[in-house]
């Protein structure tokens, strides 16, 4: 076993479960909206701006294979204001029950993909918080000269932001793009390159209005680990409840598998590959059901996807490359504007294609807001797009780009619980940004969370931490505000040994986001815990963490998945079954004792538990 867990580590097949260091407290952070984010092994682009200030962290364990340093995006200001829509107060929201005993060790990740509305997360714990980390930073406005295009449709859209590639790669030139593929109305993409166009001032937060919206049921926390229930997701992983690798699984592709999603009924796993394959796997037989491809002349690499609620269609995104044109700069085929594509699952045909992103699509999620259907997507081009869909989820009504003006790379998003999907957080550059989904605006920035980049954020439900009060109680007692937990993952700036490794150890972090209690109040981000270990080697980008509410599963670049106990912060196990290369995604099945991991070795590893989950 590499590096060395403590001598009391229990070795179960190729999965290492540490039986020491877990007390009787557990934590829960589950995120079931896992169809997001894809990944590439290369390092991300970043804005050409001064490097971020180093962030203070615990010990100084250096990590290998760090990308070379590069600058990060600079923040900017804002103007104009709009009034929100006041509404009556919301009824109290039912809290999720805490799960029972504490596991001794091991971990797991929660991530299934209901095409539903928002990711819900409650309950902060009375654990030492660090409110000084990640405080709000006002949005800024860019000031570049705007050069009109001869094409009016093109002139209505901003050109890709100038960004220098990390790892010493040259800046990718902006690509010419066609008009936005959208029925009816004209493009509503904000033009950040025009200095005469100001980024609007955020609409003030109104607790009465948000509490009214929050009466919409929250679908993300209807499935939680249930003690000793054979039909529940994995609840504990320890020597009594080991993870067992299913060696009969033959889920693989000839190229890296960068993402996964589950069908709404949980019977199928879909994998997304750099080969352009979208493969459907029966989870009972672990056999291939079908493979979809877009048989067009250009080259697809698919990273992410999501089913429509009826399971009849699948919306996917990734990278599109020109088969006939080579890019010396990227040492690969030229990257074209990257559309979202909707496949008919039965016929295998692409039935819709939506243009809007200039570069790789990194995340797709779905949401229902005020009874209307939406997809939301992020991209390496730095833009987040809200796609308003018809009732059938495949016809586009309109699309709007989030008005930001400063983000260079937008990685993953997660909707805030108990806001009716009005707000979501996004991992952008080295920050966590909070957006107003309804008004398509940047609300707040929590700056410099990581000194290099932050590529994963998700709301989680921590089972054994204190429950958040309901909106009714929070509005009556401002001293006890609403809050939600979030997990983030990022990488620190390589600053040692000729800028090849980072002296500040990489971490996964648990945050508590405290909601405002007054009109025009500010959200506050508090740090609760950092999860790190010498074996957690994570200098790779576009990697997703996951949680079942008691543990966080954190992939590494060398084929491992580290399992940390959320409440104690201790490493409780390591899964070591991939071939020494980046692990990209982890999913906990919401209603079966299954956990899946995928990696750049082109395989999916499937783990199960033969025994009921119960704490030791």
Foldseek 3Di string as FASTA:
>chain_A
DPPDDDPQWDCDPQWIFFLADWDWFFWEWFWAAFQFFFFDFFFAWAAQDAFDDADDDDAFQWFFQFWFFDHHFDFAAFAAEDADDFDAAADFDDFDAFADTIFRIDFAFAYANQLEAFTEFWFDFPFDWFLVAQWWDHGRADEADQDADPDVQQRQAAWQHFTQGINPFGTDDTDDADGWPAPDDHAAHDHRNHNVDGAHADYWDDLRQQSHLLVPDDPNPPFAAHFQDQQFFFDYDHPVWHWDWDPPAPQFDPFFFTGWHAQNVRQWIWTFAQQQWTWIAGPVNNDTDDIAHAPDQWGDGWTGWHADNVNQKIKTWFWIFGPVAADPSVRGGHTAQIWIFMAGPVVSYTPDTTTDGGGTWTTWGWHAAPNWTWIWIFFQSFWIKIFTADPVRGHTPHMHIQRRSIFNGWAYKGAYRSRSRQKIWTFTFQWIWIGGPVVSYTNTIRPCSASGGWHEKYWTYISRRGTQTTSVVCLVPVVRFTKTKMKTFDDHFQDPDNRRIRRRFGWIWIWIWTDHNRISDDIGIITRDTADDSPARASGHRAYWGRSTQWIWGWHQQQKTFIAGVPSSDTGIMRRDDHTGTWHRKHTRSGHHWIWTTTRVGRIIIIGTPGGDDHD
